[in-house]
Amino acid sequence: MISPVLPVSRAEAVPGAPGLVEALESGSVLVFRDLDFPFDAFEQRFVERPFADGKAKNVAIRNETAELRGGAGSAEEQARLRDLLVRYRRFAENLIDTYLPAYRNKVSLAGTSYRPFDVDKRKLSWRRDDTRMHVDAFPSNPIGERRILRIFRNINAEGQPRLWRVGEDFGSMAEKFLPKLPGYSGLSASVLAALKITKAKRSEYDHLMLHLHDALKRDLDYQANAPQADVRFQPGETWVTFSDLVMHGAMGGRYMLEQTAYIAVADQADPEKSPQRILAKKLGRPLKH
């Protein structure tokens, strides 16, 4: 089954309805069509030209007190762009509190980013090519018993949609690729952490997810022929998904805001729907830590 995309209208949605959490944890992409996030006259410039220095993939803040990274423009413009990202961070937090209250006070917010450029379609290495379907895994930042929840918003002022494609459900994909993955070495994981190559020791889950990420991107036959569907997120739409569960590829579109958040597997409504538990079931044993 292809990961479903579930449109949500503010007029129809019941804030806090358990069905939204259930759909999200089951691998849906929730698309909120009409949540307000207005730009003032000054901020409008941020969707008319990219205020980015081009040295990094995105412009970002790490938290509300961190300085802006990767921005461009005058001191005032960079300060206002930072303020915009802080405001989006609060918008994302309010969305979670209102529509996913089962996660209230259980989610920790990470980086907030401004993405003015089109999806990078240069001839990058296959590992860095995000047009290829993948699940999110962070090489230097082990996740362990946490989930990756992401809140995106298309802020394009010219009517350009953000283009994605989504793939089959996580369990079906894992069955195809798990037998091909190398085994986990706790000793190697400890060495990487000791050398500060990773911020913490990789668990077996982190190991498997990194190799799934790479195996998916490397397999061109799978990329071309696996079950998948194209999705268009229109300007003004906000979409929310567990990007460690939903296979996705970014195919096009400029000007987007993004908020990354973490939630512990134990704090999910149904921890058995997490990729951690799905992989353990496929292997027939608990994952190593």
Protein backbone atom coordinates (compact mmCIF):
# COMPACT_ATOMS: atom_id res chain seq x y z
CA MET A 1 0.00 0.00 0.00
CA ILE A 2 1.24 3.48 -0.86
CA SER A 3 1.49 5.90 2.05
CA PRO A 4 -1.83 7.80 2.07
CA VAL A 5 -2.10 11.58 1.84
CA LEU A 6 -4.93 12.81 4.07
CA PRO A 7 -6.29 16.32 3.38
CA VAL A 8 -7.44 18.12 6.52
CA SER A 9 -9.64 21.21 6.40
CA ARG A 10 -9.67 23.44 9.46
CA ALA A 11 -13.43 23.73 9.16
CA GLU A 12 -13.84 19.95 9.15
CA ALA A 13 -11.10 18.88 11.53
CA VAL A 14 -11.92 18.38 15.18
CA PRO A 15 -8.92 19.61 17.12
CA GLY A 16 -7.51 16.73 19.09
CA ALA A 17 -9.41 14.05 17.19
CA PRO A 18 -7.60 10.74 17.82
CA GLY A 19 -8.06 9.80 14.16
CA LEU A 20 -5.36 12.27 13.09
CA VAL A 21 -2.76 10.75 15.43
CA GLU A 22 -3.76 7.25 14.35
CA ALA A 23 -3.41 8.19 10.67
CA LEU A 24 -0.06 9.89 11.25
CA GLU A 25 1.38 6.95 13.16
CA SER A 26 0.07 4.57 10.49
CA GLY A 27 2.11 6.30 7.81
CA SER A 28 -0.14 9.03 6.45
CA VAL A 29 0.88 12.50 5.36
CA LEU A 30 -1.55 14.99 6.94
CA VAL A 31 -2.17 18.03 4.71
CA PHE A 32 -3.71 21.05 6.44
CA ARG A 33 -5.14 23.16 3.65
CA ASP A 34 -6.15 26.39 5.35
CA LEU A 35 -4.09 27.15 8.45
CA ASP A 36 -3.15 30.83 8.65
CA PHE A 37 0.48 31.93 8.59
CA PRO A 38 0.44 35.46 7.13
CA PHE A 39 3.47 37.46 6.03
CA ASP A 40 3.66 41.19 6.68
CA ALA A 41 4.81 43.67 4.02
CA PHE A 42 8.45 43.45 5.09
CA GLU A 43 8.48 39.64 5.20
CA GLN A 44 7.06 39.38 1.70
CA ARG A 45 10.56 39.90 0.30
CA PHE A 46 11.56 36.48 1.63
CA VAL A 47 9.34 34.78 -0.95
CA GLU A 48 10.34 37.11 -3.79
CA ARG A 49 14.05 36.29 -3.78
CA PRO A 50 16.20 33.90 -1.75
CA PHE A 51 17.83 35.39 1.34
CA ALA A 52 20.45 32.65 1.57
CA ASP A 53 24.21 32.74 1.27
CA GLY A 54 24.21 29.54 -0.79
CA LYS A 55 26.91 27.89 1.34
CA ALA A 56 24.51 25.56 3.11
CA LYS A 57 21.57 23.51 1.91
CA ASN A 58 19.11 25.55 3.98
CA VAL A 59 18.87 28.66 6.13
CA ALA A 60 18.13 27.63 9.70
CA ILE A 61 17.94 28.35 13.39
CA ARG A 62 18.58 25.64 15.95
CA ASN A 63 16.34 27.08 18.63
CA GLU A 64 14.73 30.36 19.57
CA THR A 65 17.94 31.87 20.94
CA ALA A 66 20.33 30.64 18.24
CA GLU A 67 21.61 32.92 15.58
CA LEU A 68 20.53 32.57 11.97
CA ARG A 69 22.76 30.27 9.93
CA GLY A 70 23.13 30.55 6.17
CA GLY A 71 21.09 33.73 5.77
CA ALA A 72 21.84 36.71 3.53
CA GLY A 73 20.79 40.35 3.24
CA SER A 74 21.18 43.36 5.49
CA ALA A 75 21.42 43.03 9.26
CA GLU A 76 17.76 44.05 9.53
CA GLU A 77 16.68 41.54 6.89
CA GLN A 78 18.54 38.70 8.54
CA ALA A 79 17.07 39.63 11.92
CA ARG A 80 13.57 39.64 10.45
CA LEU A 81 14.17 36.32 8.70
CA ARG A 82 15.25 34.86 12.01
CA ASP A 83 12.07 36.27 13.60
CA LEU A 84 10.04 34.62 10.83
CA LEU A 85 11.60 31.25 11.61
CA VAL A 86 10.94 31.69 15.33
CA ARG A 87 7.31 32.47 14.49
CA TYR A 88 7.06 29.38 12.29
CA ARG A 89 8.48 27.31 15.12
CA ARG A 90 5.63 28.54 17.33
CA PHE A 91 3.13 27.89 14.53
CA ALA A 92 4.34 24.27 14.30
CA GLU A 93 4.18 23.85 18.05
CA ASN A 94 0.63 25.23 18.11
CA LEU A 95 -0.40 22.87 15.30
CA ILE A 96 0.81 19.92 17.37
CA ASP A 97 -0.86 21.15 20.55
CA THR A 98 -4.17 21.80 18.76
CA TYR A 99 -4.55 18.91 16.33
CA LEU A 100 -2.25 16.30 17.90
CA PRO A 101 -2.72 16.97 21.62
CA ALA A 102 -1.70 13.41 22.50
CA TYR A 103 1.82 14.69 21.77
CA ARG A 104 1.53 17.88 23.83
CA ASN A 105 4.55 18.34 26.10
CA LYS A 106 6.06 15.16 24.65
CA VAL A 107 7.58 16.66 21.50
CA SER A 108 10.95 18.40 21.47
CA LEU A 109 11.51 20.88 18.67
CA ALA A 110 14.79 20.79 16.78
CA GLY A 111 15.91 22.85 13.78
CA THR A 112 13.66 25.28 11.89
CA SER A 113 14.56 25.99 8.26
CA TYR A 114 13.81 28.34 5.37
CA ARG A 115 14.24 26.66 1.98
CA PRO A 116 14.05 29.20 -0.85
CA PHE A 117 15.78 27.18 -3.54
CA ASP A 118 14.36 24.61 -5.92
CA VAL A 119 15.13 20.99 -5.13
CA ASP A 120 18.78 20.40 -6.01
CA LYS A 121 18.74 18.42 -9.25
CA ARG A 122 22.42 18.69 -10.00
CA LYS A 123 24.30 15.44 -10.53
CA LEU A 124 24.90 14.87 -6.85
CA SER A 125 26.09 11.58 -5.41
CA TRP A 126 23.22 9.11 -5.16
CA ARG A 127 23.40 9.34 -1.37
CA ARG A 128 22.73 13.11 -1.39
CA ASP A 129 20.06 13.01 -4.11
CA ASP A 130 16.80 13.75 -2.28
CA THR A 131 14.72 13.32 -5.42
CA ARG A 132 15.20 9.59 -4.80
CA MET A 133 12.70 8.04 -2.40
CA HIS A 134 14.12 7.53 1.07
CA VAL A 135 13.36 7.45 4.76
CA ASP A 136 15.09 10.01 6.95
CA ALA A 137 18.13 8.96 8.98
CA PHE A 138 20.85 11.22 10.33
CA PRO A 139 24.42 9.87 9.99
CA SER A 140 25.98 11.96 12.76
CA ASN A 141 22.95 12.27 15.05
CA PRO A 142 21.68 8.86 16.22
CA ILE A 143 17.95 8.78 16.93
CA GLY A 144 17.68 5.62 19.02
CA GLU A 145 14.23 5.41 20.59
CA ARG A 146 12.95 8.66 19.08
CA ARG A 147 10.84 9.44 16.02
CA ILE A 148 11.37 12.18 13.40
CA LEU A 149 8.24 14.31 13.00
CA ARG A 150 8.37 17.09 10.42
CA ILE A 151 6.05 20.02 9.70
CA PHE A 152 6.40 21.65 6.25
CA ARG A 153 4.69 24.66 4.69
CA ASN A 154 4.69 25.84 1.08
CA ILE A 155 5.16 29.63 1.13
CA ASN A 156 5.65 30.10 -2.62
CA ALA A 157 4.08 33.41 -3.73
CA GLU A 158 3.79 32.51 -7.42
CA GLY A 159 1.44 29.55 -7.16
CA GLN A 160 4.16 26.91 -7.55
CA PRO A 161 3.39 23.64 -5.76
CA ARG A 162 5.91 21.67 -3.77
CA LEU A 163 6.30 18.34 -5.55
CA TRP A 164 6.86 15.08 -3.71
CA ARG A 165 6.45 11.44 -4.42
CA VAL A 166 5.62 8.95 -1.68
CA GLY A 167 6.29 5.23 -1.67
CA GLU A 168 4.90 2.02 -0.26
CA ASP A 169 4.40 1.34 3.43
CA PHE A 170 7.49 0.95 5.59
CA GLY A 171 6.94 -2.71 6.43
CA SER A 172 6.64 -3.80 2.81
CA MET A 173 9.79 -1.90 1.90
CA ALA A 174 11.70 -3.31 4.88
CA GLU A 175 10.88 -6.89 3.90
CA LYS A 176 12.57 -6.33 0.54
CA PHE A 177 15.73 -4.67 1.85
CA LEU A 178 16.43 -6.04 5.34
CA PRO A 179 18.01 -9.29 4.11
CA LYS A 180 20.55 -7.28 2.10
CA LEU A 181 21.79 -5.07 4.94
CA PRO A 182 25.11 -5.59 6.78
CA GLY A 183 25.04 -6.67 10.40
CA TYR A 184 25.33 -4.29 13.33
CA SER A 185 28.53 -3.97 15.35
CA GLY A 186 28.20 -2.38 18.77
CA LEU A 187 31.98 -2.06 18.94
CA SER A 188 32.12 -0.03 15.72
CA ALA A 189 29.28 2.16 16.96
CA SER A 190 31.15 2.80 20.22
CA VAL A 191 34.33 3.74 18.32
CA LEU A 192 32.44 6.24 16.13
CA ALA A 193 30.98 7.86 19.24
CA ALA A 194 34.36 7.94 21.02
CA LEU A 195 35.93 9.66 18.02
CA LYS A 196 33.06 12.22 18.01
CA ILE A 197 32.09 11.15 14.48
CA THR A 198 28.60 10.62 15.86
CA LYS A 199 27.01 12.67 18.64
CA ALA A 200 26.06 9.48 20.49
CA LYS A 201 26.41 5.75 20.01
CA ARG A 202 24.42 4.38 17.10
CA SER A 203 21.90 1.75 18.07
CA GLU A 204 21.05 -1.16 15.81
CA TYR A 205 18.01 0.83 14.75
CA ASP A 206 20.19 3.76 13.65
CA HIS A 207 22.46 1.34 11.78
CA LEU A 208 19.54 -0.26 9.94
CA MET A 209 17.93 3.05 9.06
CA LEU A 210 21.13 4.49 7.61
CA HIS A 211 21.59 1.40 5.48
CA LEU A 212 17.94 1.41 4.42
CA HIS A 213 18.30 5.07 3.42
CA ASP A 214 21.31 4.20 1.28
CA ALA A 215 19.94 0.96 -0.14
CA LEU A 216 16.76 2.69 -1.28
CA LYS A 217 18.60 5.54 -2.99
CA ARG A 218 21.12 3.24 -4.61
CA ASP A 219 18.52 0.89 -6.15
CA LEU A 220 17.47 2.57 -9.40
CA ASP A 221 15.13 -0.27 -10.35
CA TYR A 222 13.28 0.16 -7.07
CA GLN A 223 13.18 3.93 -7.53
CA ALA A 224 11.61 3.54 -10.97
CA ASN A 225 9.27 0.60 -10.43
CA ALA A 226 8.29 0.41 -6.76
CA PRO A 227 4.75 1.45 -5.76
CA GLN A 228 4.66 5.24 -5.56
CA ALA A 229 2.47 8.28 -6.14
CA ASP A 230 3.09 11.93 -7.02
CA VAL A 231 1.86 14.55 -4.54
CA ARG A 232 1.48 18.31 -5.03
CA PHE A 233 1.42 20.57 -1.97
CA GLN A 234 -0.09 23.91 -2.93
CA PRO A 235 1.00 27.34 -1.60
CA GLY A 236 -0.52 27.89 1.83
CA GLU A 237 -0.73 24.19 2.61
CA THR A 238 1.02 22.68 5.63
CA TRP A 239 1.87 18.98 5.73
CA VAL A 240 2.94 16.83 8.64
CA THR A 241 4.49 13.37 8.58
CA PHE A 242 6.84 10.98 10.30
CA SER A 243 9.68 11.18 7.79
CA ASP A 244 11.38 8.12 9.27
CA LEU A 245 8.31 6.05 8.36
CA VAL A 246 7.04 7.55 5.11
CA MET A 247 9.20 7.00 2.06
CA HIS A 248 9.41 10.26 0.16
CA GLY A 249 11.35 12.09 -2.51
CA ALA A 250 11.38 15.87 -3.03
CA MET A 251 10.89 16.54 -6.73
CA GLY A 252 10.50 20.31 -7.06
CA GLY A 253 9.29 23.62 -5.70
CA ARG A 254 10.79 26.76 -4.18
CA TYR A 255 10.18 28.59 -0.91
CA MET A 256 9.24 26.31 1.96
CA LEU A 257 9.43 26.39 5.75
CA GLU A 258 10.21 23.28 7.76
CA GLN A 259 10.24 22.31 11.41
CA THR A 260 11.85 19.12 12.69
CA ALA A 261 10.65 17.61 15.96
CA TYR A 262 11.36 14.47 17.98
CA ILE A 263 9.06 12.29 20.06
CA ALA A 264 9.99 9.18 22.00
CA VAL A 265 8.61 5.87 20.73
CA ALA A 266 7.17 5.28 24.21
CA ASP A 267 5.19 8.53 23.93
CA GLN A 268 3.38 7.50 20.75
CA ALA A 269 -0.28 6.54 20.95
CA ASP A 270 0.76 3.15 19.54
CA PRO A 271 4.51 2.43 19.81
CA GLU A 272 4.06 -0.77 17.78
CA LYS A 273 3.58 1.38 14.67
CA SER A 274 7.05 2.90 14.97
CA PRO A 275 9.78 1.83 12.54
CA GLN A 276 11.76 0.65 15.58
CA ARG A 277 9.09 -1.93 16.44
CA ILE A 278 8.33 -2.80 12.82
CA LEU A 279 11.99 -3.64 12.17
CA ALA A 280 12.16 -5.70 15.35
CA LYS A 281 9.12 -7.72 14.24
CA LYS A 282 10.59 -8.30 10.81
CA LEU A 283 13.81 -9.58 12.41
CA GLY A 284 11.94 -11.62 15.00
CA ARG A 285 13.86 -10.17 17.96
CA PRO A 286 14.43 -6.93 19.88
CA LEU A 287 16.90 -4.50 18.33
CA LYS A 288 20.27 -4.04 20.02
CA HIS A 289 21.11 -0.78 21.80
